[in-house]
Amino acid sequence: MFTLQQIKNAHSKVKSGADFPAYIQELKQLGVVAYDTYVSDGHSNYYGQNNFNVTSEAKHEALAIADDTEENQFKNDLKAHQEGKTDYHTFCSDCAKSGIEKWTVNLNTMLCTYYDKTATKIVEEQIPG
C-alpha cells in the first residue's frame, strides 16, 4: 500500500488548485481510493483497499470554522483557488471563514465534496481527469 511519505512527495508538487488534477492522478497510482481533509488543522485521512488508511499530521495552526455557511463566498474562493490565485493555506483560511469543515475526495467517482459543520453537502464537483 501507500505511505505518508509517498503522499507528501505527491503533494509537494501542488502549488495551487490548478495542480490538483495531476495530484489526484498520482494518488490513484499509489492506491489511494479516497481521502478526507479537515480545514481546522489541514490533516487528512487517506483510504486504500481492504480498510487500509493513514492519517497525516496537521498542516497549520488551528482555524476556527464559522458556524454560518457562506456558500456563494466559498464558491468564489474555490474558483480563485482552482485558477491558481491562492495557495493552500489561504484556501483553508477561506474555507474556515465560509463555514467549510472538510472536503472528501473519492478517486473512484472522481468527485470532490465540501461539507459544513453539520455534514451538509455544500458543493460537489467532478475532478478533471
Protein backbone atom coordinates (compact mmCIF):
# COMPACT_ATOMS: atom_id res chain seq x y z
CA MET A 1 0.00 0.00 0.00
CA PHE A 2 0.96 3.66 0.08
CA THR A 3 2.86 5.59 2.74
CA LEU A 4 2.54 9.09 4.11
CA GLN A 5 5.92 9.89 2.58
CA GLN A 6 4.67 8.96 -0.90
CA ILE A 7 1.63 11.18 -0.38
CA LYS A 8 3.83 14.04 0.88
CA ASN A 9 6.03 13.71 -2.21
CA ALA A 10 2.97 13.94 -4.47
CA HIS A 11 1.54 16.87 -2.50
CA SER A 12 4.85 18.77 -2.62
CA LYS A 13 4.27 19.30 -6.35
CA VAL A 14 0.97 21.11 -5.72
CA LYS A 15 1.41 24.88 -5.69
CA SER A 16 -2.23 25.87 -6.26
CA GLY A 17 -5.63 24.41 -7.11
CA ALA A 18 -4.57 24.34 -10.74
CA ASP A 19 -2.21 21.45 -9.86
CA PHE A 20 -4.96 19.40 -8.21
CA PRO A 21 -5.89 17.10 -11.15
CA ALA A 22 -2.28 15.89 -11.56
CA TYR A 23 -2.06 15.31 -7.79
CA ILE A 24 -5.21 13.20 -7.89
CA GLN A 25 -3.81 11.07 -10.70
CA GLU A 26 -0.64 10.45 -8.72
CA LEU A 27 -2.64 9.46 -5.62
CA LYS A 28 -4.66 7.00 -7.72
CA GLN A 29 -1.42 5.43 -8.95
CA LEU A 30 -0.33 5.00 -5.31
CA GLY A 31 -3.56 3.13 -4.49
CA VAL A 32 -5.46 5.86 -2.63
CA VAL A 33 -9.22 5.40 -3.20
CA ALA A 34 -10.48 8.35 -1.10
CA TYR A 35 -9.43 10.92 1.46
CA ASP A 36 -10.90 13.47 3.85
CA THR A 37 -9.15 16.77 4.55
CA TYR A 38 -10.12 18.73 7.66
CA VAL A 39 -9.93 22.51 7.36
CA SER A 40 -9.41 23.09 11.09
CA ASP A 41 -5.77 21.95 11.00
CA GLY A 42 -5.25 20.62 7.46
CA HIS A 43 -4.76 16.97 8.40
CA SER A 44 -6.06 14.29 6.05
CA ASN A 45 -7.19 10.69 6.36
CA TYR A 46 -6.23 8.64 3.29
CA TYR A 47 -8.01 5.38 2.49
CA GLY A 48 -6.92 2.42 0.39
CA GLN A 49 -8.23 -1.05 -0.36
CA ASN A 50 -9.12 -3.52 2.44
CA ASN A 51 -9.69 -0.82 5.08
CA PHE A 52 -6.10 0.43 4.81
CA ASN A 53 -5.71 4.03 5.98
CA VAL A 54 -3.10 6.54 7.11
CA THR A 55 -3.51 9.95 8.72
CA SER A 56 -1.27 12.92 8.06
CA GLU A 57 -0.11 15.41 10.63
CA ALA A 58 -1.65 18.86 10.99
CA LYS A 59 -0.55 21.25 8.24
CA HIS A 60 -1.22 24.56 10.02
CA GLU A 61 -2.32 26.18 13.24
CA ALA A 62 -5.92 25.55 14.23
CA LEU A 63 -8.53 27.54 12.34
CA ALA A 64 -11.98 28.24 13.75
CA ILE A 65 -14.71 27.06 11.37
CA ALA A 66 -17.55 29.59 11.05
CA ASP A 67 -20.95 28.36 12.25
CA ASP A 68 -22.76 30.01 9.34
CA THR A 69 -22.05 28.71 5.87
CA GLU A 70 -21.42 31.32 3.19
CA GLU A 71 -21.96 29.18 0.09
CA ASN A 72 -21.57 31.92 -2.52
CA GLN A 73 -18.39 33.26 -0.93
CA PHE A 74 -17.00 29.74 -0.75
CA LYS A 75 -17.75 29.14 -4.44
CA ASN A 76 -15.89 32.36 -5.32
CA ASP A 77 -12.91 31.36 -3.14
CA LEU A 78 -12.88 27.85 -4.62
CA LYS A 79 -12.86 29.24 -8.16
CA ALA A 80 -9.99 31.58 -7.31
CA HIS A 81 -8.02 28.69 -5.81
CA GLN A 82 -8.64 26.45 -8.80
CA GLU A 83 -7.39 29.23 -11.06
CA GLY A 84 -4.13 29.31 -9.11
CA LYS A 85 -4.79 32.66 -7.43
CA THR A 86 -4.40 31.37 -3.84
CA ASP A 87 -2.12 28.92 -2.06
CA TYR A 88 -3.24 26.00 0.13
CA HIS A 89 -3.11 27.87 3.43
CA THR A 90 -5.13 30.80 2.05
CA PHE A 91 -7.69 28.37 0.66
CA CYS A 92 -8.03 26.66 4.06
CA SER A 93 -8.47 30.06 5.75
CA ASP A 94 -11.11 30.98 3.18
CA CYS A 95 -12.90 27.66 3.78
CA ALA A 96 -12.94 28.24 7.55
CA LYS A 97 -14.39 31.75 7.13
CA SER A 98 -17.10 30.35 4.84
CA GLY A 99 -18.04 27.55 7.24
CA ILE A 100 -16.48 24.64 5.33
CA GLU A 101 -15.33 21.95 7.78
CA LYS A 102 -13.88 19.37 5.40
CA TRP A 103 -13.73 18.05 1.89
CA THR A 104 -13.89 14.47 0.74
CA VAL A 105 -12.29 13.21 -2.45
CA ASN A 106 -13.50 9.94 -3.96
CA LEU A 107 -10.94 8.82 -6.52
CA ASN A 108 -13.23 6.11 -7.92
CA THR A 109 -16.03 8.53 -8.83
CA MET A 110 -13.62 11.48 -9.26
CA LEU A 111 -15.81 13.69 -7.07
CA CYS A 112 -14.71 16.29 -4.53
CA THR A 113 -17.37 17.19 -1.98
CA TYR A 114 -17.21 20.07 0.50
CA TYR A 115 -19.17 19.89 3.78
CA ASP A 116 -20.09 22.32 6.54
CA LYS A 117 -20.07 21.63 10.29
CA THR A 118 -23.47 19.91 10.14
CA ALA A 119 -22.16 17.48 7.46
CA THR A 120 -24.35 19.20 4.88
CA LYS A 121 -23.02 18.91 1.34
CA ILE A 122 -22.27 22.46 0.14
CA VAL A 123 -20.51 21.87 -3.18
CA GLU A 124 -19.81 18.72 -5.13
CA GLU A 125 -17.81 18.80 -8.32
CA GLN A 126 -16.27 16.48 -10.82
CA ILE A 127 -12.46 16.38 -10.73
CA PRO A 128 -10.96 16.85 -14.19
CA GLY A 129 -9.15 13.70 -15.07
